[in-house]
Amino acid sequence: MRRILVDRARRRQSVKHGGGLQRVPLDEEISATDDVKEDLLALDEALKKLASEDEKLAEVVKLRYFAG
């Protein structure tokens, strides 16, 4: 699940997929914000950094965050 969400966030930010354009949501209440994409990318980077230091702890954090 983590990989899917991170890949989707990266794809949406790429220039080829309109990363430089301003997205206009049709319904403000339902749509996700751009902060969510940035948060997912930051979380992925933090998990990679943690995994380089402590593999088990990174796995626990990943399971806790993505699996509940």
Protein backbone atom coordinates (compact mmCIF):
# COMPACT_ATOMS: atom_id res chain seq x y z
CA MET A 1 0.00 0.00 0.00
CA ARG A 2 2.84 2.36 0.86
CA ARG A 3 4.50 1.82 -2.50
CA ILE A 4 1.25 2.49 -4.35
CA LEU A 5 0.56 5.74 -2.50
CA VAL A 6 4.13 7.00 -2.86
CA ASP A 7 4.26 6.15 -6.56
CA ARG A 8 0.96 7.92 -7.13
CA ALA A 9 2.16 11.03 -5.28
CA ARG A 10 5.39 11.07 -7.31
CA ARG A 11 3.49 10.59 -10.57
CA ARG A 12 1.15 13.48 -9.81
CA GLN A 13 4.11 15.78 -9.15
CA SER A 14 5.96 14.88 -12.35
CA VAL A 15 5.93 17.43 -15.17
CA LYS A 16 4.67 14.84 -17.65
CA HIS A 17 1.51 14.35 -15.59
CA GLY A 18 0.83 18.04 -14.94
CA GLY A 19 3.00 18.46 -11.85
CA GLY A 20 3.58 22.14 -12.61
CA LEU A 21 -0.10 22.89 -13.11
CA GLN A 22 -2.49 24.05 -10.44
CA ARG A 23 -5.19 21.45 -9.84
CA VAL A 24 -8.70 22.76 -9.27
CA PRO A 25 -10.85 20.32 -7.29
CA LEU A 26 -14.49 20.00 -8.24
CA ASP A 27 -15.57 19.61 -4.64
CA GLU A 28 -13.41 21.17 -1.93
CA GLU A 29 -14.76 18.94 0.86
CA ILE A 30 -14.15 15.62 -0.91
CA SER A 31 -10.82 16.26 -2.63
CA ALA A 32 -7.45 15.52 -1.06
CA THR A 33 -5.05 18.40 -0.62
CA ASP A 34 -1.57 18.74 -2.07
CA ASP A 35 -0.22 18.51 1.49
CA VAL A 36 -1.17 14.83 1.57
CA LYS A 37 1.10 14.10 -1.42
CA GLU A 38 3.98 15.98 0.16
CA ASP A 39 3.38 14.23 3.48
CA LEU A 40 3.49 10.81 1.82
CA LEU A 41 6.74 11.63 0.07
CA ALA A 42 8.24 12.92 3.32
CA LEU A 43 7.03 9.81 5.15
CA ASP A 44 8.56 7.56 2.51
CA GLU A 45 11.88 9.37 2.79
CA ALA A 46 11.80 9.15 6.60
CA LEU A 47 11.01 5.43 6.48
CA LYS A 48 13.94 4.83 4.11
CA LYS A 49 16.24 6.72 6.46
CA LEU A 50 14.94 4.79 9.47
CA ALA A 51 15.31 1.48 7.63
CA SER A 52 18.98 2.22 7.03
CA GLU A 53 19.44 2.58 10.79
CA ASP A 54 16.98 0.01 12.17
CA GLU A 55 15.16 -2.33 9.77
CA LYS A 56 12.76 -3.80 12.37
CA LEU A 57 11.69 -0.43 13.72
CA ALA A 58 11.03 0.85 10.20
CA GLU A 59 8.85 -2.20 9.52
CA VAL A 60 6.87 -1.60 12.73
CA VAL A 61 6.28 2.05 11.83
CA LYS A 62 5.26 1.12 8.28
CA LEU A 63 2.79 -1.52 9.46
CA ARG A 64 1.38 0.74 12.16
CA TYR A 65 0.90 3.67 9.77
CA PHE A 66 -0.42 1.86 6.70
CA ALA A 67 -2.17 -1.12 8.28
CA GLY A 68 -3.53 0.58 11.38
